Protein backbone atom coordinates (compact mmCIF):
# COMPACT_ATOMS: atom_id res chain seq x y z
CA MET A 1 -7.80 -1.67 6.14
CA THR A 2 -5.63 -2.74 9.03
CA GLY A 3 -3.16 -0.38 10.73
CA ASP A 4 0.17 -0.87 12.47
CA VAL A 5 2.46 1.12 14.78
CA HIS A 6 4.21 2.72 11.77
CA ASP A 7 0.96 4.28 10.51
CA SER A 8 0.88 2.01 7.47
CA TYR A 9 -2.06 -0.12 6.43
CA SER A 10 -2.89 -3.15 4.39
CA ILE A 11 -5.93 -2.91 2.13
CA ARG A 12 -7.59 -6.32 1.87
CA THR A 13 -10.65 -8.00 0.48
CA GLU A 14 -12.86 -10.16 2.65
CA GLY A 15 -11.32 -13.14 0.85
CA GLY A 16 -7.81 -12.30 2.10
CA LYS A 17 -6.39 -10.71 -1.06
CA ALA A 18 -4.39 -7.51 -0.56
CA LEU A 19 -3.64 -4.50 -2.73
CA ASP A 20 -0.11 -5.38 -3.83
CA LEU A 21 2.51 -3.34 -5.68
CA ASN A 22 4.30 -5.57 -8.17
CA ALA A 23 7.41 -3.37 -8.35
CA GLY A 24 9.11 -5.54 -10.96
CA GLU A 25 6.30 -4.87 -13.43
CA ASN A 26 5.34 -1.46 -11.95
CA LYS A 27 1.66 -2.40 -11.56
CA PHE A 28 -0.96 -2.98 -8.88
CA GLN A 29 -2.61 -6.34 -8.32
CA LEU A 30 -4.63 -8.28 -5.78
CA TYR A 31 -2.45 -10.96 -4.19
CA ASN A 32 -2.54 -13.20 -1.14
CA TYR A 33 -1.65 -11.13 1.93
CA LEU A 34 1.94 -11.78 3.01
CA GLY A 35 2.58 -8.58 5.00
CA TYR A 36 5.56 -7.28 3.04
CA ASN A 37 6.15 -3.57 2.41
CA ASN A 38 4.76 -3.85 -1.12
CA GLN A 39 1.41 -4.63 0.55
CA ARG A 40 1.63 -1.84 3.17
CA TRP A 41 0.28 1.65 2.45
CA ILE A 42 0.56 5.10 4.03
CA THR A 43 -2.41 7.43 3.66
CA THR A 44 -2.03 11.21 3.51
CA LYS A 45 -4.97 13.61 3.48
CA ASN A 46 -4.68 16.29 0.76
CA GLU A 47 -5.91 19.88 1.15
CA ASN A 48 -8.71 19.29 -1.37
CA GLY A 49 -10.22 16.46 0.69
CA THR A 50 -8.80 13.57 -1.35
CA VAL A 51 -6.38 11.00 0.04
CA ARG A 52 -2.98 9.98 -1.33
CA ILE A 53 -2.02 6.33 -0.89
CA THR A 54 1.74 5.66 -0.98
CA SER A 55 3.32 2.23 -0.95
CA VAL A 56 5.68 1.67 1.98
CA TYR A 57 7.91 -0.16 -0.50
CA SER A 58 8.23 2.84 -2.81
CA LYS A 59 8.61 5.29 0.08
CA TYR A 60 11.74 3.56 1.38
CA ARG A 61 13.10 2.91 -2.12
CA LYS A 62 12.68 6.57 -3.15
CA ARG A 63 10.63 5.53 -6.20
CA GLU A 64 7.65 7.33 -7.61
CA PHE A 65 4.73 5.45 -9.15
C-alpha cells in the first residue's frame, strides 16, 4: 500500500497491478497502476477491529458498492 497527502492509498502487487474499481461494470479487478481515483482507497478502522476500504472514486461520486 502506498499513501498520499489525502490519506488515500493504492493497493498493489509486486508486479505493478493495482486493486481497481471498474465502475462501469461495478466490479473489482487487478489492473496496471495508473493512479486514478478508481485505484485509490481510503481505509477506516471499525469499532470491531475490522477495516473498511472505500474507493476514492465512489466516495466523490456518492455511490455505494
